[in-house]
Amino acid sequence: MQGTLLKWTLTLARGTEAVAAVLLVAVIVMNLAQVFFRYVLVDPISWSEETMRYTTTWMVMLAAAPALLRREHMEVSLFDAVRSDILRRMVGLLVHLCVAGFCLLLIVKGFPAAIDNMRQVSPAVRIPMTVPYMAIPVGAVLILINTICMMILPAETLATLEDGERAP
């Protein structure tokens, strides 16, 4: 069971990283095109800044989940030096529960907020504002999935992910 969960989690992480990487390349291309059009052709692109903003929001929310899985987010390691293994585990569980609770809050409040903005249209791109707003709850769902996996999977298995090794 743990092997299947780990494979599924890694597949989800790789997929979201790939999408985030594509979005990063798109932002870079749009930015370079905007600079070229603005300063060389003296005819700026009207939709590029807005599109880059929405794309960056999606990119960050998608990339946050695999970064959490590899423990690449900033953290306070106050209790890492504590000798009591039980206390360290309890603090780790408390941290995961806080992250999960915050993700649930983002999901519960984010989906209705995104749906409520269905009729609002972005000024330059003319897409429903549901599209950019949906990045928050979708990202929160991905982070919640990874947080639950981190609570279920043994620490030794997750440590191999942090080291960059291939998991079984």
C-alpha atoms as a PDB file:
ATOM      1  CA  MET A   1       0.000   0.000   0.000  1.00  0.00           C
ATOM      2  CA  GLN A   2       2.741   2.456   0.916  1.00  0.00           C
ATOM      3  CA  GLY A   3       4.580   1.692  -2.313  1.00  0.00           C
ATOM      4  CA  THR A   4       1.471   2.455  -4.357  1.00  0.00           C
ATOM      5  CA  LEU A   5       0.832   5.642  -2.395  1.00  0.00           C
ATOM      6  CA  LEU A   6       4.432   6.738  -2.919  1.00  0.00           C
ATOM      7  CA  LYS A   7       4.302   6.032  -6.665  1.00  0.00           C
ATOM      8  CA  TRP A   8       1.018   7.932  -7.005  1.00  0.00           C
ATOM      9  CA  THR A   9       2.370  10.854  -4.982  1.00  0.00           C
ATOM     10  CA  LEU A  10       5.564  11.016  -7.045  1.00  0.00           C
ATOM     11  CA  THR A  11       3.592  10.875 -10.299  1.00  0.00           C
ATOM     12  CA  LEU A  12       1.369  13.715  -9.118  1.00  0.00           C
ATOM     13  CA  ALA A  13       4.422  15.717  -8.007  1.00  0.00           C
ATOM     14  CA  ARG A  14       6.226  15.210 -11.321  1.00  0.00           C
ATOM     15  CA  GLY A  15       3.097  16.154 -13.257  1.00  0.00           C
ATOM     16  CA  THR A  16       2.533  19.365 -11.336  1.00  0.00           C
ATOM     17  CA  GLU A  17       6.218  20.249 -11.610  1.00  0.00           C
ATOM     18  CA  ALA A  18       6.070  19.724 -15.376  1.00  0.00           C
ATOM     19  CA  VAL A  19       3.017  21.975 -15.720  1.00  0.00           C
ATOM     20  CA  ALA A  20       4.667  24.595 -13.477  1.00  0.00           C
ATOM     21  CA  ALA A  21       7.815  24.442 -15.610  1.00  0.00           C
ATOM     22  CA  VAL A  22       5.805  24.974 -18.797  1.00  0.00           C
ATOM     23  CA  LEU A  23       4.073  27.948 -17.159  1.00  0.00           C
ATOM     24  CA  LEU A  24       7.458  29.390 -16.141  1.00  0.00           C
ATOM     25  CA  VAL A  25       8.699  29.146 -19.724  1.00  0.00           C
ATOM     26  CA  ALA A  26       5.475  30.815 -20.904  1.00  0.00           C
ATOM     27  CA  VAL A  27       5.974  33.696 -18.466  1.00  0.00           C
ATOM     28  CA  ILE A  28       9.574  34.161 -19.628  1.00  0.00           C
ATOM     29  CA  VAL A  29       8.549  34.140 -23.288  1.00  0.00           C
ATOM     30  CA  MET A  30       5.720  36.616 -22.645  1.00  0.00           C
ATOM     31  CA  ASN A  31       8.056  38.880 -20.713  1.00  0.00           C
ATOM     32  CA  LEU A  32      10.688  38.851 -23.450  1.00  0.00           C
ATOM     33  CA  ALA A  33       8.023  39.485 -26.085  1.00  0.00           C
ATOM     34  CA  GLN A  34       6.648  42.391 -24.062  1.00  0.00           C
ATOM     35  CA  VAL A  35      10.101  43.961 -23.752  1.00  0.00           C
ATOM     36  CA  PHE A  36      10.710  43.512 -27.482  1.00  0.00           C
ATOM     37  CA  PHE A  37       7.342  44.951 -28.484  1.00  0.00           C
ATOM     38  CA  ARG A  38       7.533  47.834 -26.013  1.00  0.00           C
ATOM     39  CA  TYR A  39      11.115  49.017 -26.575  1.00  0.00           C
ATOM     40  CA  VAL A  40      11.998  47.823 -30.077  1.00  0.00           C
ATOM     41  CA  LEU A  41       8.697  48.071 -31.936  1.00  0.00           C
ATOM     42  CA  VAL A  42       7.299  50.776 -29.601  1.00  0.00           C
ATOM     43  CA  ASP A  43       3.937  48.994 -29.635  1.00  0.00           C
ATOM     44  CA  PRO A  44       3.383  47.254 -26.274  1.00  0.00           C
ATOM     45  CA  ILE A  45       1.274  44.121 -25.962  1.00  0.00           C
ATOM     46  CA  SER A  46      -1.848  44.996 -24.008  1.00  0.00           C
ATOM     47  CA  TRP A  47      -2.521  41.582 -22.476  1.00  0.00           C
ATOM     48  CA  SER A  48       0.973  40.392 -21.482  1.00  0.00           C
ATOM     49  CA  GLU A  49       1.237  41.821 -17.957  1.00  0.00           C
ATOM     50  CA  GLU A  50      -2.147  40.507 -16.902  1.00  0.00           C
ATOM     51  CA  THR A  51      -1.507  37.090 -18.421  1.00  0.00           C
ATOM     52  CA  MET A  52       1.897  36.862 -16.738  1.00  0.00           C
ATOM     53  CA  ARG A  53       0.315  37.708 -13.371  1.00  0.00           C
ATOM     54  CA  TYR A  54      -2.323  34.969 -13.651  1.00  0.00           C
ATOM     55  CA  THR A  55       0.164  32.454 -15.026  1.00  0.00           C
ATOM     56  CA  THR A  56       2.586  33.156 -12.192  1.00  0.00           C
ATOM     57  CA  THR A  57      -0.159  32.586  -9.626  1.00  0.00           C
ATOM     58  CA  TRP A  58      -0.941  29.192 -11.152  1.00  0.00           C
ATOM     59  CA  MET A  59       2.762  28.337 -11.410  1.00  0.00           C
ATOM     60  CA  VAL A  60       3.439  29.112  -7.739  1.00  0.00           C
ATOM     61  CA  MET A  61       0.412  27.210  -6.455  1.00  0.00           C
ATOM     62  CA  LEU A  62       1.250  24.157  -8.567  1.00  0.00           C
ATOM     63  CA  ALA A  63       4.942  24.142  -7.648  1.00  0.00           C
ATOM     64  CA  ALA A  64       4.252  24.565  -3.920  1.00  0.00           C
ATOM     65  CA  ALA A  65       2.939  21.006  -3.547  1.00  0.00           C
ATOM     66  CA  PRO A  66       6.022  19.094  -4.756  1.00  0.00           C
ATOM     67  CA  ALA A  67       8.259  21.553  -2.918  1.00  0.00           C
ATOM     68  CA  LEU A  68       6.410  20.672   0.287  1.00  0.00           C
ATOM     69  CA  LEU A  69       6.916  16.980  -0.401  1.00  0.00           C
ATOM     70  CA  ARG A  70      10.683  17.511  -0.695  1.00  0.00           C
ATOM     71  CA  ARG A  71      10.714  19.874   2.322  1.00  0.00           C
ATOM     72  CA  GLU A  72      12.046  22.752   0.235  1.00  0.00           C
ATOM     73  CA  HIS A  73       9.827  25.360   1.872  1.00  0.00           C
ATOM     74  CA  MET A  74      11.275  27.603   4.536  1.00  0.00           C
ATOM     75  CA  GLU A  75      10.829  26.137   7.994  1.00  0.00           C
ATOM     76  CA  VAL A  76      11.717  26.868  11.579  1.00  0.00           C
ATOM     77  CA  SER A  77      13.808  23.979  12.822  1.00  0.00           C
ATOM     78  CA  LEU A  78      13.503  24.807  16.502  1.00  0.00           C
ATOM     79  CA  PHE A  79      12.623  21.263  17.548  1.00  0.00           C
ATOM     80  CA  ASP A  80      14.943  19.368  15.181  1.00  0.00           C
ATOM     81  CA  ALA A  81      17.705  19.254  17.803  1.00  0.00           C
ATOM     82  CA  VAL A  82      15.416  17.898  20.528  1.00  0.00           C
ATOM     83  CA  ARG A  83      16.612  14.507  21.662  1.00  0.00           C
ATOM     84  CA  SER A  84      13.178  13.107  22.381  1.00  0.00           C
ATOM     85  CA  ASP A  85      12.033  11.260  19.284  1.00  0.00           C
ATOM     86  CA  ILE A  86       8.418  11.323  20.484  1.00  0.00           C
ATOM     87  CA  LEU A  87       8.429  15.126  20.913  1.00  0.00           C
ATOM     88  CA  ARG A  88       9.928  15.595  17.440  1.00  0.00           C
ATOM     89  CA  ARG A  89       7.249  13.369  15.917  1.00  0.00           C
ATOM     90  CA  MET A  90       4.477  15.150  17.797  1.00  0.00           C
ATOM     91  CA  VAL A  91       5.704  18.559  16.639  1.00  0.00           C
ATOM     92  CA  GLY A  92       5.961  17.252  13.064  1.00  0.00           C
ATOM     93  CA  LEU A  93       2.418  15.922  13.245  1.00  0.00           C
ATOM     94  CA  LEU A  94       1.195  19.242  14.657  1.00  0.00           C
ATOM     95  CA  VAL A  95       2.863  21.111  11.796  1.00  0.00           C
ATOM     96  CA  HIS A  96       1.257  18.794   9.233  1.00  0.00           C
ATOM     97  CA  LEU A  97      -2.133  19.217  10.872  1.00  0.00           C
ATOM     98  CA  CYS A  98      -1.767  23.020  10.764  1.00  0.00           C
ATOM     99  CA  VAL A  99      -0.828  22.903   7.076  1.00  0.00           C
ATOM    100  CA  ALA A 100      -3.761  20.585   6.373  1.00  0.00           C
ATOM    101  CA  GLY A 101      -6.128  22.863   8.275  1.00  0.00           C
ATOM    102  CA  PHE A 102      -4.967  25.905   6.332  1.00  0.00           C
ATOM    103  CA  CYS A 103      -5.375  24.008   3.063  1.00  0.00           C
ATOM    104  CA  LEU A 104      -8.906  23.037   4.051  1.00  0.00           C
ATOM    105  CA  LEU A 105      -9.647  26.706   4.750  1.00  0.00           C
ATOM    106  CA  LEU A 106      -8.301  27.680   1.314  1.00  0.00           C
ATOM    107  CA  ILE A 107     -10.390  24.962  -0.319  1.00  0.00           C
ATOM    108  CA  VAL A 108     -13.613  25.748   1.557  1.00  0.00           C
ATOM    109  CA  LYS A 109     -13.333  29.497   0.940  1.00  0.00           C
ATOM    110  CA  GLY A 110     -11.495  29.346  -2.406  1.00  0.00           C
ATOM    111  CA  PHE A 111     -13.859  27.298  -4.528  1.00  0.00           C
ATOM    112  CA  PRO A 112     -16.923  29.452  -3.767  1.00  0.00           C
ATOM    113  CA  ALA A 113     -14.880  32.627  -4.305  1.00  0.00           C
ATOM    114  CA  ALA A 114     -13.731  31.342  -7.683  1.00  0.00           C
ATOM    115  CA  ILE A 115     -17.241  30.306  -8.727  1.00  0.00           C
ATOM    116  CA  ASP A 116     -18.678  33.657  -7.554  1.00  0.00           C
ATOM    117  CA  ASN A 117     -16.340  35.423  -9.996  1.00  0.00           C
ATOM    118  CA  MET A 118     -17.622  33.500 -13.026  1.00  0.00           C
ATOM    119  CA  ARG A 119     -19.374  36.568 -14.440  1.00  0.00           C
ATOM    120  CA  GLN A 120     -16.443  38.912 -13.898  1.00  0.00           C
ATOM    121  CA  VAL A 121     -14.128  39.111 -16.899  1.00  0.00           C
ATOM    122  CA  SER A 122     -10.485  40.156 -16.811  1.00  0.00           C
ATOM    123  CA  PRO A 123      -9.883  43.529 -18.439  1.00  0.00           C
ATOM    124  CA  ALA A 124      -7.198  42.676 -21.010  1.00  0.00           C
ATOM    125  CA  VAL A 125      -7.428  38.934 -21.665  1.00  0.00           C
ATOM    126  CA  ARG A 126     -11.239  38.753 -21.396  1.00  0.00           C
ATOM    127  CA  ILE A 127     -11.302  35.411 -19.558  1.00  0.00           C
ATOM    128  CA  PRO A 128     -13.630  34.689 -16.629  1.00  0.00           C
ATOM    129  CA  MET A 129     -11.922  35.566 -13.362  1.00  0.00           C
ATOM    130  CA  THR A 130     -12.761  32.054 -12.191  1.00  0.00           C
ATOM    131  CA  VAL A 131      -9.667  30.863 -14.073  1.00  0.00           C
ATOM    132  CA  PRO A 132      -7.100  32.845 -12.037  1.00  0.00           C
ATOM    133  CA  TYR A 133      -9.057  32.502  -8.786  1.00  0.00           C
ATOM    134  CA  MET A 134      -9.190  28.717  -9.160  1.00  0.00           C
ATOM    135  CA  ALA A 135      -5.394  28.511  -8.719  1.00  0.00           C
ATOM    136  CA  ILE A 136      -5.745  28.913  -4.943  1.00  0.00           C
ATOM    137  CA  PRO A 137      -8.125  26.022  -4.177  1.00  0.00           C
ATOM    138  CA  VAL A 138      -6.532  23.716  -6.767  1.00  0.00           C
ATOM    139  CA  GLY A 139      -3.083  24.375  -5.306  1.00  0.00           C
ATOM    140  CA  ALA A 140      -4.482  23.854  -1.804  1.00  0.00           C
ATOM    141  CA  VAL A 141      -5.904  20.466  -2.834  1.00  0.00           C
ATOM    142  CA  LEU A 142      -2.492  19.408  -4.159  1.00  0.00           C
ATOM    143  CA  ILE A 143      -0.727  20.613  -1.005  1.00  0.00           C
ATOM    144  CA  LEU A 144      -3.306  18.828   1.161  1.00  0.00           C
ATOM    145  CA  ILE A 145      -2.750  15.574  -0.748  1.00  0.00           C
ATOM    146  CA  ASN A 146       1.005  15.836  -0.225  1.00  0.00           C
ATOM    147  CA  THR A 147       0.558  16.748   3.443  1.00  0.00           C
ATOM    148  CA  ILE A 148      -1.607  13.674   4.026  1.00  0.00           C
ATOM    149  CA  CYS A 149       0.959  11.524   2.218  1.00  0.00           C
ATOM    150  CA  MET A 150       3.703  12.971   4.414  1.00  0.00           C
ATOM    151  CA  MET A 151       1.710  11.994   7.513  1.00  0.00           C
ATOM    152  CA  ILE A 152       1.124   8.448   6.225  1.00  0.00           C
ATOM    153  CA  LEU A 153       4.460   7.567   4.641  1.00  0.00           C
ATOM    154  CA  PRO A 154       7.437   6.721   6.871  1.00  0.00           C
ATOM    155  CA  ALA A 155      10.026   9.458   7.392  1.00  0.00           C
ATOM    156  CA  GLU A 156      12.787   7.263   5.916  1.00  0.00           C
ATOM    157  CA  THR A 157      10.941   7.018   2.602  1.00  0.00           C
ATOM    158  CA  LEU A 158      10.421  10.773   2.458  1.00  0.00           C
ATOM    159  CA  ALA A 159      14.071  11.381   3.342  1.00  0.00           C
ATOM    160  CA  THR A 160      15.080   9.633   0.101  1.00  0.00           C
ATOM    161  CA  LEU A 161      12.958  12.170  -1.793  1.00  0.00           C
ATOM    162  CA  GLU A 162      14.756  15.037  -0.081  1.00  0.00           C
ATOM    163  CA  ASP A 163      18.122  13.573  -1.059  1.00  0.00           C
ATOM    164  CA  GLY A 164      17.019  13.383  -4.675  1.00  0.00           C
ATOM    165  CA  GLU A 165      17.258   9.595  -4.814  1.00  0.00           C
ATOM    166  CA  ARG A 166      14.783   7.492  -6.732  1.00  0.00           C
ATOM    167  CA  ALA A 167      12.124   6.022  -4.515  1.00  0.00           C
ATOM    168  CA  PRO A 168      11.062   2.396  -5.016  1.00  0.00           C
END
